[in-house]
Amino acid sequence: MISKKEQIIRILQESGVVLMATDTVYGLAALPTDKEAVSKIYRLKERPENMFLPVMVAEMNNLENLGLDINGPAEKLFRSALVPGAVTFVLGFKDESLKPEWLQGRDEIAARIPDNALLLSVLKETGPLLVTSANRHGRSHTPGNMEEILKELNGSPDLIIEDGKGKEIPSTIINCRYDPPLIERTGIISLDMIRKILNDE
C-alpha cells in the first residue's frame, strides 16, 4: 500500500497541488520548479501572481544552497528550540550565483522549517516547496475545518491529506534583513520568546 508521503511526492511530481496540514494552518504545496502547479495555487487562492509565495524547507542548509543570507540573528533563531516550528524568516540573498531560476526576480523570500513529521519527510525528498496557507487571498485567517477550507478555495487541489483540525493562528514572521530583526506578523510564537533568544536572556 502506498504511503501518504509517497502519494504526496507522486502528485507533486505530476504537476499537482497538495492540500495538507503543516504545524500551523493547513497549506497548499507545489514544486517551485513546476509552473503549472504554481499557477494552480494562485488560482485556488485567487491570489495576484505578482505576490510571491513562501517557501518551506527541511533544514537551514537548504536555504543557504539557494544563496540566501543566514546572518547572525537568523542563524541564532534557526539554531534555537523554535525551529523547526512556527517562525517564518524573511531573508535576502547573499550569493546571487546560487539563486535558482524559480527565484529570479525576487530580492527576498519568506521561508520556514515546519514542525510536522509528514511534511518534513516530504521536504527531505523533494527539496524546497512553495507552501502557502489554504485560504482565499485577502482573508484574515485560514479555517481549521477541511469542509470550510474547500468551500473557500476556487477549485479543488489534486490531493487532500486530512490530519485533524488545523490551527487557525499562523506562524510569526520575522524579517532578518533588518538589524535588529523586525517582527512583521505576530502568530503562534510570541515576540517575547523571540527577543529572549536574540538577546540570549
Protein backbone atom coordinates (compact mmCIF):
# COMPACT_ATOMS: atom_id res chain seq x y z
CA MET A 1 0.00 0.00 0.00
CA ILE A 2 1.34 3.40 -0.97
CA SER A 3 2.17 5.65 1.99
CA LYS A 4 0.92 9.21 2.46
CA LYS A 5 4.43 10.50 1.80
CA GLU A 6 4.64 8.55 -1.46
CA GLN A 7 1.21 9.82 -2.53
CA ILE A 8 2.19 13.41 -1.85
CA ILE A 9 5.51 13.16 -3.69
CA ARG A 10 3.90 11.45 -6.68
CA ILE A 11 1.23 14.16 -7.02
CA LEU A 12 3.80 16.94 -6.64
CA GLN A 13 5.92 15.36 -9.36
CA GLU A 14 2.86 15.16 -11.62
CA SER A 15 2.34 18.96 -11.53
CA GLY A 16 -0.20 18.67 -8.74
CA VAL A 17 -1.09 20.80 -5.73
CA VAL A 18 -1.40 19.10 -2.36
CA LEU A 19 -3.58 20.37 0.48
CA MET A 20 -2.10 19.16 3.75
CA ALA A 21 -1.50 20.05 7.37
CA THR A 22 1.52 22.00 8.48
CA ASP A 23 2.27 22.67 12.15
CA THR A 24 0.06 25.76 11.96
CA VAL A 25 -2.70 26.24 9.38
CA TYR A 26 -3.47 23.88 6.51
CA GLY A 27 -1.38 24.68 3.45
CA LEU A 28 -1.25 24.30 -0.32
CA ALA A 29 2.04 22.86 -1.58
CA ALA A 30 3.67 22.66 -5.01
CA LEU A 31 7.09 22.14 -6.52
CA PRO A 32 8.58 25.60 -7.16
CA THR A 33 10.04 24.47 -10.49
CA ASP A 34 6.63 23.42 -11.83
CA LYS A 35 4.97 26.47 -13.39
CA GLU A 36 1.67 24.66 -13.95
CA ALA A 37 1.38 23.69 -10.28
CA VAL A 38 2.43 27.13 -9.07
CA SER A 39 -0.19 28.79 -11.29
CA LYS A 40 -2.81 26.45 -9.85
CA ILE A 41 -2.01 27.61 -6.30
CA TYR A 42 -2.60 31.20 -7.41
CA ARG A 43 -5.92 30.21 -8.98
CA LEU A 44 -7.06 28.25 -5.92
CA LYS A 45 -6.35 31.20 -3.64
CA GLU A 46 -7.34 33.86 -6.20
CA ARG A 47 -4.03 35.46 -5.29
CA PRO A 48 -2.43 38.07 -7.58
CA GLU A 49 0.53 36.47 -9.37
CA ASN A 50 2.77 39.43 -8.57
CA MET A 51 2.63 38.42 -4.90
CA PHE A 52 5.30 35.82 -4.19
CA LEU A 53 4.65 32.58 -2.33
CA PRO A 54 6.52 31.47 0.80
CA VAL A 55 8.97 28.56 0.87
CA MET A 56 9.33 25.60 3.21
CA VAL A 57 12.49 23.53 3.61
CA ALA A 58 13.69 20.64 5.75
CA GLU A 59 16.83 22.29 7.14
CA MET A 60 18.80 25.53 7.21
CA ASN A 61 21.43 24.50 4.67
CA ASN A 62 18.66 24.11 2.06
CA LEU A 63 18.26 27.89 2.30
CA GLU A 64 21.99 28.55 2.14
CA ASN A 65 22.10 26.42 -1.02
CA LEU A 66 19.62 28.87 -2.59
CA GLY A 67 22.09 31.70 -2.00
CA LEU A 68 20.17 33.18 0.93
CA ASP A 69 21.81 35.25 3.63
CA ILE A 70 21.61 33.50 7.01
CA ASN A 71 23.00 36.37 9.06
CA GLY A 72 23.81 36.30 12.79
CA PRO A 73 20.31 36.90 14.19
CA ALA A 74 18.75 34.50 11.67
CA GLU A 75 21.26 31.77 12.49
CA LYS A 76 20.68 32.24 16.23
CA LEU A 77 16.94 31.74 15.73
CA PHE A 78 17.36 28.83 13.30
CA ARG A 79 19.51 27.01 15.87
CA SER A 80 17.07 27.67 18.71
CA ALA A 81 14.28 25.50 20.09
CA LEU A 82 11.81 27.49 17.97
CA VAL A 83 12.97 25.70 14.82
CA PRO A 84 11.51 23.57 13.41
CA GLY A 85 8.37 25.46 14.24
CA ALA A 86 6.05 28.34 13.61
CA VAL A 87 8.58 31.04 12.74
CA THR A 88 8.80 32.34 9.17
CA PHE A 89 12.03 34.12 8.23
CA VAL A 90 12.27 36.87 5.63
CA LEU A 91 15.76 36.54 4.14
CA GLY A 92 17.72 38.37 1.48
CA PHE A 93 20.29 36.93 -0.91
CA LYS A 94 23.99 36.65 -0.18
CA ASP A 95 25.12 34.81 -3.32
CA GLU A 96 23.14 35.60 -6.48
CA SER A 97 25.08 32.95 -8.40
CA LEU A 98 23.30 30.24 -6.39
CA LYS A 99 19.81 31.65 -6.96
CA PRO A 100 17.73 29.12 -8.98
CA GLU A 101 15.57 30.14 -11.93
CA TRP A 102 12.36 29.92 -9.90
CA LEU A 103 13.65 32.62 -7.53
CA GLN A 104 14.75 35.05 -10.25
CA GLY A 105 13.25 38.49 -9.79
CA ARG A 106 12.96 38.12 -6.03
CA ASP A 107 15.02 40.21 -3.59
CA GLU A 108 13.91 38.20 -0.59
CA ILE A 109 11.92 35.13 0.37
CA ALA A 110 9.77 34.15 3.34
CA ALA A 111 10.87 30.71 4.47
CA ARG A 112 10.44 28.32 7.36
CA ILE A 113 11.10 24.81 8.63
CA PRO A 114 7.78 23.33 9.81
CA ASP A 115 7.42 21.13 12.87
CA ASN A 116 5.33 18.47 11.14
CA ALA A 117 6.79 14.99 10.69
CA LEU A 118 4.98 14.13 7.44
CA LEU A 119 5.71 17.47 5.78
CA LEU A 120 9.37 17.36 6.88
CA SER A 121 9.74 13.85 5.45
CA VAL A 122 8.34 15.09 2.13
CA LEU A 123 10.64 18.14 2.12
CA LYS A 124 13.68 15.91 2.68
CA GLU A 125 12.76 14.07 -0.52
CA THR A 126 11.60 16.94 -2.71
CA GLY A 127 13.79 19.82 -1.57
CA PRO A 128 12.19 23.27 -1.15
CA LEU A 129 8.45 23.56 -1.74
CA LEU A 130 6.19 26.54 -2.17
CA VAL A 131 3.68 26.24 0.68
CA THR A 132 1.04 28.85 1.42
CA SER A 133 -1.99 28.99 3.68
CA ALA A 134 -5.07 27.24 2.28
CA ASN A 135 -7.39 30.23 2.24
CA ARG A 136 -8.80 32.73 -0.23
CA HIS A 137 -6.47 35.69 -0.76
CA GLY A 138 -7.34 38.61 1.47
CA ARG A 139 -8.98 36.55 4.20
CA SER A 140 -7.67 37.23 7.68
CA HIS A 141 -7.46 33.59 8.73
CA THR A 142 -7.41 30.04 7.41
CA PRO A 143 -10.29 27.78 8.50
CA GLY A 144 -9.27 24.80 10.62
CA ASN A 145 -12.07 22.65 9.24
CA MET A 146 -11.43 20.89 5.92
CA GLU A 147 -15.01 21.36 4.68
CA GLU A 148 -14.73 25.13 5.21
CA ILE A 149 -11.32 25.25 3.53
CA LEU A 150 -12.64 23.52 0.40
CA LYS A 151 -15.64 25.85 0.25
CA GLU A 152 -13.35 28.86 0.35
CA LEU A 153 -10.92 27.75 -2.36
CA ASN A 154 -11.52 28.45 -6.02
CA GLY A 155 -11.46 24.84 -7.20
CA SER A 156 -10.01 21.63 -5.80
CA PRO A 157 -6.41 20.62 -5.00
CA ASP A 158 -5.11 17.46 -6.67
CA LEU A 159 -4.61 15.65 -3.36
CA ILE A 160 -6.08 16.27 0.09
CA ILE A 161 -4.34 14.87 3.16
CA GLU A 162 -6.59 15.49 6.14
CA ASP A 163 -4.97 15.39 9.57
CA GLY A 164 -7.45 16.61 12.13
CA LYS A 165 -8.38 20.21 12.77
CA GLY A 166 -5.80 22.73 11.66
CA LYS A 167 -4.73 25.63 13.82
CA GLU A 168 -6.20 28.97 12.82
CA ILE A 169 -3.21 31.03 14.04
CA PRO A 170 -0.36 31.33 11.50
CA SER A 171 3.39 31.48 12.03
CA THR A 172 5.17 34.55 13.34
CA ILE A 173 7.03 36.41 10.58
CA ILE A 174 10.41 37.92 11.41
CA ASN A 175 12.32 39.97 8.85
CA CYS A 176 16.02 39.24 9.33
CA ARG A 177 17.09 41.77 6.71
CA TYR A 178 16.82 44.43 9.41
CA ASP A 179 19.14 44.89 12.38
CA PRO A 180 17.61 44.25 14.84
CA PRO A 181 15.17 41.91 13.08
CA LEU A 182 11.67 43.26 12.56
CA ILE A 183 8.54 41.34 13.56
CA GLU A 184 6.16 41.66 10.60
CA ARG A 185 3.38 39.43 11.97
CA THR A 186 2.83 38.03 15.44
CA GLY A 187 1.49 34.50 15.28
CA ILE A 188 1.87 31.42 17.47
CA ILE A 189 5.39 32.37 18.61
CA SER A 190 5.37 35.42 20.86
CA LEU A 191 7.57 38.47 20.48
CA ASP A 192 8.96 37.84 23.99
CA MET A 193 10.16 34.34 23.03
CA ILE A 194 12.00 35.71 20.01
CA ARG A 195 13.54 38.59 21.96
CA LYS A 196 14.85 36.20 24.65
CA ILE A 197 16.67 34.14 22.04
CA LEU A 198 18.10 37.14 20.18
CA ASN A 199 19.25 38.74 23.42
CA ASP A 200 20.47 35.45 24.95
CA GLU A 201 18.32 36.01 28.00
